[in-house]
Amino acid sequence: MKNIDLSIVIVNYQSWDYLDNCLKSFQDYPPLMSYEIIVVDNDSQDGRYNSFKQSHPEILLIKNKGNFGFSHGCNLGASEAKGENILFLNPDTEITEDKPIDAMLIYLNTHPDVGIVSCRNTSPNGGTGKEDRFLSPWLLFGFTRFIYKSFYKNKLEVQYPKNSSIQFPDWVTGSVVLINSKLFRQIGRWNDERYWMYSEDPDLCYKVNRLGKKVALLTNVTISHIGGGASRPNLQSLIRYKTEDTISKHNYIQENAQGFSKPIIHLLYFFKIQSSIIDILLSLILLRKNKLKTKVQVLINCWKYYLRAVFRRTWKNPRLDHVKPLSYQ
């Protein structure tokens, strides 16, 4: 069988319209190398799976047995991948005329000291979002990041050089992640035992970093990324996003903090979540109904999680209690 240069894995959950635009962008700007596209639907249950499969025979569409999270979906898609490299891509992204996939793959193949390559994500309004990201669990807080940036200004200027086409952040967003298939298997793939949604991308980059390999961000090529297209379209989804983000942060701390720092950072993050009480009081005074509802419900959800964590003696996301991690050959 002929070797495939690249397997593109996309995890979908009720984002068919975004996904359709994403696939059309491959027709407009097809990569030069040989590639396959694998889409994993995380049990959308919206009646569109069969019709979408019929309208896109060029892709391998896999139906997951349940919504077991982003990491699980990525791993399921990767288990079917035949490419020498894997590009994990969000369904609400679109390839641009910059030919970003070609540029990323060339850079990865010519820089053996680099383990993961991404490119600049641009939103519909032209924004690029935050790109200076840090792996240390201590830097999950605004005040610690401020101190770190003040003390390590020179180091950060080297890591994030101005007017350079290459930057080396600690981690890149999971919306665009290119990695060699062998390295992906070597680091143990995405952690589908601990993360349901969010924080799985810095965790993956942490594993690559521990092997002495760098994470590279190409700033001179872009992929259009709507952002939040699959997770925050309404109030309930916003509540879920904020709740799951908190749960995943605690799992990231548990997975990557060391020694006595682990319980300290957990406690600090717990108090950070409790500070939302101030926002709740302000929203109540200012009669901001939707914001008040969101803040209250997120705080209630987080407290339920904390109580479960105490009684179950684990930070693991309750959504993953009955999910069996994928096994691989």
Protein backbone atom coordinates (compact mmCIF):
# COMPACT_ATOMS: atom_id res chain seq x y z
CA MET A 1 0.00 0.00 0.00
CA LYS A 2 1.30 3.47 -0.90
CA ASN A 3 2.47 5.52 2.06
CA ILE A 4 0.36 8.50 3.05
CA ASP A 5 2.20 11.63 4.16
CA LEU A 6 -0.54 12.99 6.36
CA SER A 7 -3.66 11.87 8.20
CA ILE A 8 -6.02 14.70 9.13
CA VAL A 9 -8.19 13.89 12.13
CA ILE A 10 -11.24 16.04 12.91
CA VAL A 11 -13.54 15.46 15.89
CA ASN A 12 -17.10 16.64 15.35
CA TYR A 13 -20.01 17.18 17.70
CA GLN A 14 -23.09 18.80 16.14
CA SER A 15 -20.87 21.06 14.02
CA TRP A 16 -21.83 19.75 10.59
CA ASP A 17 -22.14 23.14 8.88
CA TYR A 18 -18.73 24.25 10.14
CA LEU A 19 -17.31 20.87 9.16
CA ASP A 20 -18.78 21.15 5.68
CA ASN A 21 -17.05 24.50 5.19
CA CYS A 22 -13.81 23.03 6.53
CA LEU A 23 -13.89 20.18 4.01
CA LYS A 24 -14.74 22.57 1.17
CA SER A 25 -11.67 24.62 2.05
CA PHE A 26 -9.54 21.53 1.33
CA GLN A 27 -11.00 21.52 -2.19
CA ASP A 28 -10.09 25.19 -2.60
CA TYR A 29 -6.58 24.86 -1.16
CA PRO A 30 -5.59 21.18 -1.27
CA PRO A 31 -2.28 20.24 0.41
CA LEU A 32 0.50 19.20 -1.96
CA MET A 33 1.33 15.99 -0.09
CA SER A 34 -0.74 12.81 -0.05
CA TYR A 35 -3.35 12.91 2.69
CA GLU A 36 -6.49 11.35 4.09
CA ILE A 37 -9.25 12.95 6.15
CA ILE A 38 -10.74 11.09 9.10
CA VAL A 39 -13.75 12.57 10.87
CA VAL A 40 -14.94 11.18 14.20
CA ASP A 41 -18.47 12.13 15.18
CA ASN A 42 -18.79 12.09 18.96
CA ASP A 43 -22.35 10.77 18.95
CA SER A 44 -24.08 13.99 17.83
CA GLN A 45 -27.52 12.32 17.87
CA ASP A 46 -29.00 15.04 15.67
CA GLY A 47 -29.97 12.90 12.68
CA ARG A 48 -27.37 14.32 10.29
CA TYR A 49 -24.71 11.59 10.38
CA ASN A 50 -26.00 9.45 7.48
CA SER A 51 -26.76 12.34 5.12
CA PHE A 52 -23.37 13.92 5.79
CA LYS A 53 -21.62 10.61 5.14
CA GLN A 54 -23.39 10.28 1.78
CA SER A 55 -22.49 13.82 0.74
CA HIS A 56 -18.79 13.41 1.61
CA PRO A 57 -17.57 10.05 0.27
CA GLU A 58 -14.01 11.43 0.14
CA ILE A 59 -13.59 11.17 3.93
CA LEU A 60 -13.58 8.34 6.44
CA LEU A 61 -16.44 9.15 8.81
CA ILE A 62 -16.46 7.24 12.09
CA LYS A 63 -19.38 7.19 14.52
CA ASN A 64 -18.26 7.10 18.14
CA LYS A 65 -20.43 5.08 20.52
CA GLY A 66 -20.80 8.07 22.84
CA ASN A 67 -19.52 11.55 23.54
CA PHE A 68 -16.46 10.46 25.49
CA GLY A 69 -14.64 13.75 25.01
CA PHE A 70 -12.27 15.45 22.59
CA SER A 71 -9.22 13.38 23.56
CA HIS A 72 -11.07 10.09 23.09
CA GLY A 73 -12.36 11.20 19.69
CA CYS A 74 -8.86 12.24 18.59
CA ASN A 75 -7.43 8.91 19.70
CA LEU A 76 -10.18 6.99 17.92
CA GLY A 77 -9.44 8.84 14.69
CA ALA A 78 -5.69 8.36 15.13
CA SER A 79 -6.19 4.62 15.59
CA GLU A 80 -7.42 4.51 11.97
CA ALA A 81 -4.75 6.86 10.61
CA LYS A 82 -2.29 5.54 8.01
CA GLY A 83 -0.22 8.70 7.57
CA GLU A 84 3.37 9.21 8.69
CA ASN A 85 2.16 12.40 10.38
CA ILE A 86 -1.14 13.37 11.98
CA LEU A 87 -2.81 16.77 11.88
CA PHE A 88 -5.51 17.25 14.50
CA LEU A 89 -7.90 19.93 13.28
CA ASN A 90 -11.07 21.48 14.68
CA PRO A 91 -14.25 21.30 12.57
CA ASP A 92 -14.69 25.10 12.76
CA THR A 93 -11.41 25.78 10.96
CA GLU A 94 -10.82 26.52 7.29
CA ILE A 95 -7.66 26.23 5.20
CA THR A 96 -6.48 29.53 3.74
CA GLU A 97 -4.57 30.52 0.62
CA ASP A 98 -1.40 30.61 2.78
CA LYS A 99 -1.18 26.83 2.31
CA PRO A 100 -0.55 26.38 6.06
CA ILE A 101 -0.55 22.56 6.06
CA ASP A 102 2.27 22.38 3.52
CA ALA A 103 4.31 24.92 5.49
CA MET A 104 3.78 23.11 8.81
CA LEU A 105 4.68 19.69 7.42
CA ILE A 106 7.84 20.99 5.73
CA TYR A 107 8.92 22.64 8.97
CA LEU A 108 8.24 19.51 11.04
CA ASN A 109 10.14 17.26 8.63
CA THR A 110 13.17 19.56 8.47
CA HIS A 111 13.51 20.27 12.21
CA PRO A 112 14.08 17.05 14.19
CA ASP A 113 14.29 19.04 17.44
CA VAL A 114 10.60 20.02 17.04
CA GLY A 115 7.83 17.66 18.14
CA ILE A 116 4.67 19.66 17.44
CA VAL A 117 3.97 22.35 14.86
CA SER A 118 0.97 24.67 14.65
CA CYS A 119 0.21 27.88 12.81
CA ARG A 120 -1.46 31.16 13.61
CA ASN A 121 -5.22 30.94 14.13
CA THR A 122 -7.17 33.92 12.85
CA SER A 123 -10.77 34.67 13.80
CA PRO A 124 -13.36 36.04 11.33
CA ASN A 125 -12.65 39.56 12.63
CA GLY A 126 -8.93 39.18 12.00
CA GLY A 127 -7.86 38.60 15.60
CA THR A 128 -5.24 36.03 16.55
CA GLY A 129 -5.97 35.50 20.23
CA LYS A 130 -3.47 34.73 22.96
CA GLU A 131 -0.27 33.02 21.82
CA ASP A 132 2.09 33.30 24.81
CA ARG A 133 1.11 30.11 26.61
CA PHE A 134 2.89 28.45 29.53
CA LEU A 135 3.01 24.85 30.71
CA SER A 136 3.80 25.26 34.40
CA PRO A 137 0.68 24.69 36.55
CA TRP A 138 1.92 27.59 38.69
CA LEU A 139 1.17 29.91 35.76
CA LEU A 140 -2.56 29.20 35.68
CA PHE A 141 -3.08 32.44 37.61
CA GLY A 142 -2.91 36.01 36.38
CA PHE A 143 -0.73 37.24 39.23
CA THR A 144 1.84 34.44 38.84
CA ARG A 145 2.02 35.02 35.08
CA PHE A 146 2.61 38.72 35.71
CA ILE A 147 5.49 37.95 38.06
CA TYR A 148 6.94 35.38 35.66
CA LYS A 149 6.81 37.75 32.69
CA SER A 150 8.47 40.50 34.75
CA PHE A 151 11.37 38.29 35.88
CA TYR A 152 11.90 36.44 32.59
CA LYS A 153 11.42 39.27 30.11
CA ASN A 154 14.63 38.53 28.19
CA LYS A 155 13.86 34.82 27.95
CA LEU A 156 10.38 35.52 26.61
CA GLU A 157 11.77 37.90 23.97
CA VAL A 158 13.80 34.98 22.64
CA GLN A 159 10.86 32.58 22.88
CA TYR A 160 8.44 35.03 21.25
CA PRO A 161 10.62 37.16 18.93
CA LYS A 162 8.87 40.13 17.35
CA ASN A 163 8.59 40.19 13.56
CA SER A 164 9.67 36.54 13.37
CA SER A 165 7.93 33.85 11.35
CA ILE A 166 8.64 31.26 14.08
CA GLN A 167 7.80 31.31 17.76
CA PHE A 168 8.25 28.60 20.38
CA PRO A 169 5.37 28.74 22.86
CA ASP A 170 5.14 26.17 25.65
CA TRP A 171 1.98 24.83 24.05
CA VAL A 172 -0.41 25.44 21.18
CA THR A 173 -4.16 25.18 20.97
CA GLY A 174 -5.63 21.79 20.09
CA SER A 175 -7.47 23.31 17.12
CA VAL A 176 -4.34 22.85 14.97
CA VAL A 177 -1.75 20.26 16.08
CA LEU A 178 0.67 18.55 13.71
CA ILE A 179 2.77 15.70 15.11
CA ASN A 180 4.69 12.74 13.75
CA SER A 181 2.71 9.49 14.13
CA LYS A 182 5.55 7.60 15.82
CA LEU A 183 6.11 10.39 18.32
CA PHE A 184 2.36 10.55 18.98
CA ARG A 185 2.34 6.88 19.93
CA GLN A 186 5.56 7.27 21.92
CA ILE A 187 4.12 9.93 24.22
CA GLY A 188 0.98 7.89 24.88
CA ARG A 189 -1.43 9.85 22.66
CA TRP A 190 -4.04 12.27 24.03
CA ASN A 191 -4.94 11.55 27.65
CA ASP A 192 -8.51 10.27 27.27
CA GLU A 193 -8.53 8.92 30.82
CA ARG A 194 -8.33 12.35 32.45
CA TYR A 195 -9.63 15.02 30.04
CA TRP A 196 -13.13 15.22 28.61
CA MET A 197 -12.80 18.72 27.24
CA TYR A 198 -10.09 21.42 27.60
CA SER A 199 -6.50 21.35 28.95
CA GLU A 200 -5.70 18.28 26.89
CA ASP A 201 -3.63 20.40 24.48
CA PRO A 202 -1.08 21.73 27.02
CA ASP A 203 -0.95 18.23 28.49
CA LEU A 204 0.00 16.79 25.08
CA CYS A 205 2.65 19.49 24.58
CA TYR A 206 4.00 18.80 28.08
CA LYS A 207 4.64 15.19 27.06
CA VAL A 208 6.53 16.32 23.97
CA ASN A 209 8.48 18.84 26.04
CA ARG A 210 9.57 16.13 28.47
CA LEU A 211 11.23 14.29 25.58
CA GLY A 212 13.33 17.37 24.91
CA LYS A 213 11.42 18.44 21.80
CA LYS A 214 10.09 21.92 21.13
CA VAL A 215 6.67 23.20 20.11
CA ALA A 216 6.75 25.55 17.11
CA LEU A 217 4.19 28.11 15.97
CA LEU A 218 4.39 29.40 12.40
CA THR A 219 3.21 33.00 12.51
CA ASN A 220 3.49 33.74 8.79
CA VAL A 221 0.79 31.27 7.73
CA THR A 222 -2.75 31.07 9.05
CA ILE A 223 -5.78 28.87 9.44
CA SER A 224 -9.15 30.53 9.87
CA HIS A 225 -10.68 29.46 13.17
CA ILE A 226 -14.11 30.57 14.35
CA GLY A 227 -13.41 29.42 17.91
CA GLY A 228 -16.03 28.03 20.27
CA GLY A 229 -18.14 27.01 17.31
CA ALA A 230 -18.79 23.59 18.73
CA SER A 231 -18.91 24.41 22.42
CA ARG A 232 -20.35 27.87 23.20
CA PRO A 233 -23.31 28.74 20.96
CA ASN A 234 -25.81 29.32 23.80
CA LEU A 235 -26.14 29.92 27.54
CA GLN A 236 -26.19 26.25 28.53
CA SER A 237 -23.13 25.54 26.43
CA LEU A 238 -21.35 28.50 28.03
CA ILE A 239 -22.12 27.09 31.48
CA ARG A 240 -20.81 23.69 30.38
CA TYR A 241 -17.67 25.28 28.94
CA LYS A 242 -16.82 27.15 32.13
CA THR A 243 -17.57 24.11 34.29
CA GLU A 244 -15.52 21.72 32.18
CA ASP A 245 -12.66 24.20 31.96
CA THR A 246 -12.44 24.25 35.77
CA ILE A 247 -12.56 20.45 36.02
CA SER A 248 -9.87 20.08 33.37
CA LYS A 249 -7.61 22.62 35.06
CA HIS A 250 -7.65 20.55 38.24
CA ASN A 251 -6.84 17.44 36.24
CA TYR A 252 -3.98 19.28 34.54
CA ILE A 253 -2.63 20.25 37.95
CA GLN A 254 -2.96 16.69 39.18
CA GLU A 255 -1.22 15.32 36.10
CA ASN A 256 1.65 17.81 35.80
CA ALA A 257 2.36 19.50 39.14
CA GLN A 258 5.13 17.96 41.21
CA GLY A 259 5.54 17.09 44.89
CA PHE A 260 4.20 19.44 47.55
CA SER A 261 3.29 22.02 44.91
CA LYS A 262 0.40 19.84 43.74
CA PRO A 263 -2.00 20.34 46.73
CA ILE A 264 -0.98 24.00 46.98
CA ILE A 265 -1.89 24.75 43.36
CA HIS A 266 -5.14 22.79 43.69
CA LEU A 267 -6.04 24.93 46.70
CA LEU A 268 -5.12 28.18 44.95
CA TYR A 269 -7.25 27.25 41.96
CA PHE A 270 -10.14 26.33 44.27
CA PHE A 271 -9.99 29.81 45.81
CA LYS A 272 -9.80 31.34 42.35
CA ILE A 273 -13.13 29.70 41.48
CA GLN A 274 -14.67 30.92 44.75
CA SER A 275 -13.80 34.50 43.83
CA SER A 276 -16.66 34.34 41.33
CA ILE A 277 -18.93 35.07 44.31
CA ILE A 278 -17.86 38.72 43.91
CA ASP A 279 -19.02 38.68 40.28
CA ILE A 280 -22.29 37.09 41.36
CA LEU A 281 -22.94 39.90 43.85
CA LEU A 282 -22.10 42.56 41.26
CA SER A 283 -24.36 40.91 38.67
CA LEU A 284 -27.15 40.80 41.24
CA ILE A 285 -26.73 44.49 42.04
CA LEU A 286 -26.51 45.50 38.37
CA LEU A 287 -29.41 43.20 37.40
CA ARG A 288 -27.38 41.33 34.79
CA LYS A 289 -29.71 38.35 34.59
CA ASN A 290 -27.85 36.12 32.11
CA LYS A 291 -24.45 36.72 33.67
CA LEU A 292 -25.90 36.07 37.13
CA LYS A 293 -27.49 32.80 35.98
CA THR A 294 -24.25 31.68 34.35
CA LYS A 295 -22.02 32.50 37.32
CA VAL A 296 -24.37 30.89 39.85
CA GLN A 297 -24.84 27.69 37.86
CA VAL A 298 -21.11 27.32 37.16
CA LEU A 299 -20.31 27.77 40.84
CA ILE A 300 -22.95 25.17 41.79
CA ASN A 301 -21.55 22.73 39.19
CA CYS A 302 -18.01 23.27 40.47
CA TRP A 303 -19.06 22.66 44.07
CA LYS A 304 -20.75 19.41 43.01
CA TYR A 305 -17.49 18.42 41.37
CA TYR A 306 -15.45 19.34 44.47
CA LEU A 307 -17.73 17.30 46.73
CA ARG A 308 -17.47 14.31 44.37
CA ALA A 309 -13.69 14.70 44.31
CA VAL A 310 -13.57 14.56 48.12
CA PHE A 311 -15.81 11.52 48.45
CA ARG A 312 -14.34 9.68 45.47
CA ARG A 313 -10.78 10.71 46.33
CA THR A 314 -9.99 11.55 42.73
CA TRP A 315 -9.93 14.66 40.52
CA LYS A 316 -11.01 12.61 37.53
CA ASN A 317 -13.86 14.06 35.52
CA PRO A 318 -17.09 12.19 36.48
CA ARG A 319 -18.04 12.13 32.79
CA LEU A 320 -15.19 9.67 32.25
CA ASP A 321 -16.08 7.26 35.08
CA HIS A 322 -17.55 4.65 32.78
CA VAL A 323 -15.41 5.31 29.70
CA LYS A 324 -12.89 2.65 28.82
CA PRO A 325 -9.66 4.11 27.36
CA LEU A 326 -8.97 3.00 23.82
CA SER A 327 -6.52 0.14 23.38
CA TYR A 328 -4.06 0.16 20.51
CA GLN A 329 -1.98 -2.33 18.62
